[in-house]
């Protein structure tokens, strides 16, 4: 614990900022992991089974009505309402595509924040590096040949510390962002395939 406080003292405000970003990033990663794995609105496996059992849309609607209320159920009801209108297929495709897009955007909540943290953290760490080197060279200029090597080492140590911390924050955040984004993209594609099957089902 004492070493940790030493890091904060040596790293200064730059290190503290990176610590805050690290805490925010870890919180968002945990939240998205739980949301995607336990509350994934794209998971339509039970509805796919119902669709395979149904010969017509009316049969499918009857099975949906038996299920408890959920965002998935509401989404499918909205989709069925579009499919059952007397509008053209082009209009129906556009409306369903709009619904899918809205659902995808909703699922993207907090992912842009993760991306920002991943991109900004190395830059903040680099800023700490530059500040540490400036301090070191400033001490070298003021002290000339009599400068204490430990003072120079302190500035360089601070510079390397903030650089390392920036990368420590950025790397797992960036990996998590791409992982979540890829998983949501695949889920959206699966949803689109399911809705295509649904549109091809007639009464």
Protein backbone atom coordinates (compact mmCIF):
# COMPACT_ATOMS: atom_id res chain seq x y z
CA UNK A 1 0.00 0.00 0.00
CA UNK A 2 2.88 2.36 0.78
CA UNK A 3 4.33 1.71 -2.67
CA UNK A 4 0.97 2.62 -4.19
CA UNK A 5 0.94 5.96 -2.39
CA UNK A 6 4.52 6.48 -3.55
CA UNK A 7 3.35 5.98 -7.13
CA UNK A 8 0.61 8.58 -6.66
CA UNK A 9 3.05 11.03 -5.12
CA UNK A 10 5.64 10.51 -7.84
CA UNK A 11 3.16 10.44 -10.69
CA UNK A 12 1.40 13.59 -9.55
CA UNK A 13 -1.85 14.80 -11.06
CA UNK A 14 -1.27 12.92 -14.33
CA UNK A 15 -1.08 9.61 -12.50
CA UNK A 16 -4.20 10.51 -10.49
CA UNK A 17 -6.13 11.32 -13.68
CA UNK A 18 -5.14 7.96 -15.13
CA UNK A 19 -6.27 6.24 -11.94
CA UNK A 20 -9.69 7.87 -12.29
CA UNK A 21 -9.91 6.81 -15.95
CA UNK A 22 -8.90 3.30 -14.91
CA UNK A 23 -11.71 3.14 -12.35
CA UNK A 24 -14.26 4.46 -14.86
CA UNK A 25 -13.07 2.03 -17.53
CA UNK A 26 -13.19 -0.96 -15.17
CA UNK A 27 -16.70 -0.02 -14.05
CA UNK A 28 -17.96 0.29 -17.64
CA UNK A 29 -16.30 -2.97 -18.70
CA UNK A 30 -17.96 -4.80 -15.81
CA UNK A 31 -21.32 -3.20 -16.59
CA UNK A 32 -21.21 -4.09 -20.30
CA UNK A 33 -20.04 -7.63 -19.56
CA UNK A 34 -22.99 -8.24 -17.23
CA UNK A 35 -25.42 -6.51 -19.60
CA UNK A 36 -24.35 -8.47 -22.68
CA UNK A 37 -24.08 -11.86 -20.99
CA UNK A 38 -27.08 -11.74 -18.67
CA UNK A 39 -29.46 -9.09 -20.05
CA UNK A 40 -28.86 -9.39 -23.77
CA UNK A 41 -32.00 -8.14 -25.57
CA UNK A 42 -30.67 -9.62 -28.81
CA UNK A 43 -30.97 -13.14 -27.43
CA UNK A 44 -34.03 -14.48 -29.28
CA UNK A 45 -33.35 -18.19 -28.94
CA UNK A 46 -36.71 -19.01 -27.32
CA UNK A 47 -38.54 -16.95 -29.96
CA UNK A 48 -36.65 -18.75 -32.72
CA UNK A 49 -37.86 -22.05 -31.29
CA UNK A 50 -41.42 -20.70 -31.24
CA UNK A 51 -41.09 -19.57 -34.85
CA UNK A 52 -39.89 -23.00 -35.94
CA UNK A 53 -42.97 -24.54 -34.30
CA UNK A 54 -45.34 -22.06 -35.93
CA UNK A 55 -46.86 -22.58 -39.35
CA UNK A 56 -48.26 -19.03 -39.62
CA UNK A 57 -47.70 -15.61 -38.10
CA UNK A 58 -50.89 -16.00 -36.10
CA UNK A 59 -49.50 -19.17 -34.52
CA UNK A 60 -46.31 -17.32 -33.65
CA UNK A 61 -48.22 -14.37 -32.18
CA UNK A 62 -50.18 -16.78 -30.01
CA UNK A 63 -46.96 -18.20 -28.58
CA UNK A 64 -45.54 -14.71 -28.01
CA UNK A 65 -48.64 -13.68 -26.06
CA UNK A 66 -47.96 -16.50 -23.60
CA UNK A 67 -44.52 -15.14 -22.73
CA UNK A 68 -43.90 -12.65 -19.90
CA UNK A 69 -43.47 -9.00 -20.81
CA UNK A 70 -39.95 -8.03 -21.84
CA UNK A 71 -38.12 -5.71 -24.22
CA UNK A 72 -37.67 -8.64 -26.61
CA UNK A 73 -41.41 -9.28 -26.64
CA UNK A 74 -42.24 -5.60 -27.18
CA UNK A 75 -39.72 -5.41 -30.01
CA UNK A 76 -41.21 -8.45 -31.76
CA UNK A 77 -44.75 -7.13 -31.37
CA UNK A 78 -43.67 -3.85 -33.00
CA UNK A 79 -42.07 -5.85 -35.78
CA UNK A 80 -45.19 -7.97 -36.31
CA UNK A 81 -47.33 -4.84 -36.46
CA UNK A 82 -45.13 -3.56 -39.28
CA UNK A 83 -45.22 -6.89 -41.13
CA UNK A 84 -49.01 -7.09 -40.93
CA UNK A 85 -49.63 -3.67 -42.46
CA UNK A 86 -50.78 -3.41 -46.05
CA UNK A 87 -47.75 -1.33 -47.03
CA UNK A 88 -45.16 -2.29 -49.62
CA UNK A 89 -42.34 -4.69 -48.83
CA UNK A 90 -39.82 -1.90 -49.34
CA UNK A 91 -41.50 0.22 -46.67
CA UNK A 92 -41.65 -2.74 -44.29
CA UNK A 93 -37.95 -3.46 -44.83
CA UNK A 94 -37.06 0.15 -44.11
CA UNK A 95 -39.16 0.29 -40.94
CA UNK A 96 -37.72 -2.95 -39.61
CA UNK A 97 -34.22 -1.79 -40.47
CA UNK A 98 -34.93 1.38 -38.48
CA UNK A 99 -36.05 -0.69 -35.48
CA UNK A 100 -32.89 -2.81 -35.67
CA UNK A 101 -30.74 0.31 -35.93
CA UNK A 102 -32.39 1.88 -32.87
CA UNK A 103 -31.86 -1.30 -30.89
CA UNK A 104 -28.22 -1.45 -31.98
CA UNK A 105 -27.62 2.16 -30.96
CA UNK A 106 -29.19 1.47 -27.58
CA UNK A 107 -26.91 -1.52 -27.08
CA UNK A 108 -23.90 0.69 -27.87
CA UNK A 109 -24.44 2.64 -24.63
CA UNK A 110 -21.10 3.46 -22.93
CA UNK A 111 -19.01 1.86 -25.71
CA UNK A 112 -17.98 5.28 -27.09
CA UNK A 113 -16.81 6.20 -23.59
CA UNK A 114 -14.63 3.09 -23.48
CA UNK A 115 -13.17 4.01 -26.86
CA UNK A 116 -12.39 7.53 -25.69
CA UNK A 117 -10.64 6.23 -22.56
CA UNK A 118 -8.60 3.79 -24.66
CA UNK A 119 -7.49 6.55 -27.03
CA UNK A 120 -6.91 9.30 -24.48
CA UNK A 121 -5.07 7.33 -21.76
CA UNK A 122 -1.81 6.81 -23.73
CA UNK A 123 -1.82 10.52 -24.66
CA UNK A 124 -2.23 11.54 -21.03
CA UNK A 125 0.58 9.13 -20.12
CA UNK A 126 2.72 10.70 -22.84
CA UNK A 127 1.94 14.13 -21.43
CA UNK A 128 3.21 12.91 -18.06
CA UNK A 129 6.35 11.67 -19.79
CA UNK A 130 6.98 15.05 -21.39
CA UNK A 131 6.37 16.89 -18.10
CA UNK A 132 8.74 14.54 -16.26
CA UNK A 133 11.48 15.04 -18.84
CA UNK A 134 10.99 18.81 -18.77
CA UNK A 135 11.42 18.77 -15.00
CA UNK A 136 14.56 16.68 -15.32
CA UNK A 137 16.18 18.93 -17.90
CA UNK A 138 15.13 22.00 -15.94
CA UNK A 139 16.93 20.66 -12.87
CA UNK A 140 19.93 19.82 -15.04
CA UNK A 141 20.02 23.39 -16.36
CA UNK A 142 19.71 24.94 -12.91
CA UNK A 143 22.23 22.65 -11.24
CA UNK A 144 24.74 22.37 -14.05
CA UNK A 145 27.45 19.84 -13.33
CA UNK A 146 26.55 19.82 -9.63
CA UNK A 147 23.03 18.53 -10.12
CA UNK A 148 22.05 15.61 -7.90
CA UNK A 149 21.57 12.50 -10.09
CA UNK A 150 18.72 11.38 -7.85
CA UNK A 151 16.73 14.48 -8.87
CA UNK A 152 17.16 13.63 -12.52
CA UNK A 153 16.25 10.02 -11.84
CA UNK A 154 13.09 11.16 -10.06
CA UNK A 155 11.90 13.10 -13.10
CA UNK A 156 12.67 10.25 -15.46
CA UNK A 157 10.99 7.78 -13.10
CA UNK A 158 7.86 9.92 -13.09
CA UNK A 159 7.94 10.07 -16.88
CA UNK A 160 8.17 6.29 -17.25
CA UNK A 161 5.55 5.73 -14.55
CA UNK A 162 2.88 7.82 -16.28
CA UNK A 163 3.66 6.23 -19.64
CA UNK A 164 3.27 2.74 -18.21
CA UNK A 165 0.07 3.70 -16.40
CA UNK A 166 -1.40 5.15 -19.59
CA UNK A 167 -0.77 1.88 -21.42
CA UNK A 168 -2.09 -0.21 -18.52
CA UNK A 169 -5.37 1.73 -18.71
CA UNK A 170 -5.60 1.81 -22.50
CA UNK A 171 -4.80 -1.78 -23.50
CA UNK A 172 -7.56 -3.69 -21.61
CA UNK A 173 -10.05 -0.91 -22.33
CA UNK A 174 -9.37 -1.07 -26.07
CA UNK A 175 -9.55 -4.86 -26.14
CA UNK A 176 -12.85 -4.79 -24.23
CA UNK A 177 -14.29 -2.17 -26.55
CA UNK A 178 -13.55 -4.21 -29.67
CA UNK A 179 -14.80 -7.41 -28.00
CA UNK A 180 -18.13 -5.86 -26.98
CA UNK A 181 -18.57 -4.09 -30.30
CA UNK A 182 -17.91 -7.29 -32.28
CA UNK A 183 -20.30 -9.30 -30.11
CA UNK A 184 -23.07 -6.73 -30.49
CA UNK A 185 -22.51 -6.55 -34.24
CA UNK A 186 -22.83 -10.33 -34.53
CA UNK A 187 -25.97 -10.24 -32.39
CA UNK A 188 -27.45 -7.57 -34.62
CA UNK A 189 -26.77 -9.68 -37.68
CA UNK A 190 -28.45 -12.67 -36.02
CA UNK A 191 -31.44 -10.49 -35.19
CA UNK A 192 -31.65 -9.33 -38.80
CA UNK A 193 -31.61 -12.94 -40.04
CA UNK A 194 -34.37 -13.86 -37.58
CA UNK A 195 -36.57 -10.95 -38.68
CA UNK A 196 -36.04 -11.92 -42.32
CA UNK A 197 -37.36 -15.38 -41.51
CA UNK A 198 -40.25 -13.75 -39.70
CA UNK A 199 -41.14 -11.60 -42.71
CA UNK A 200 -41.10 -14.64 -44.98
CA UNK A 201 -43.62 -16.38 -42.75
CA UNK A 202 -47.20 -15.80 -43.94
CA UNK A 203 -50.60 -16.26 -42.41
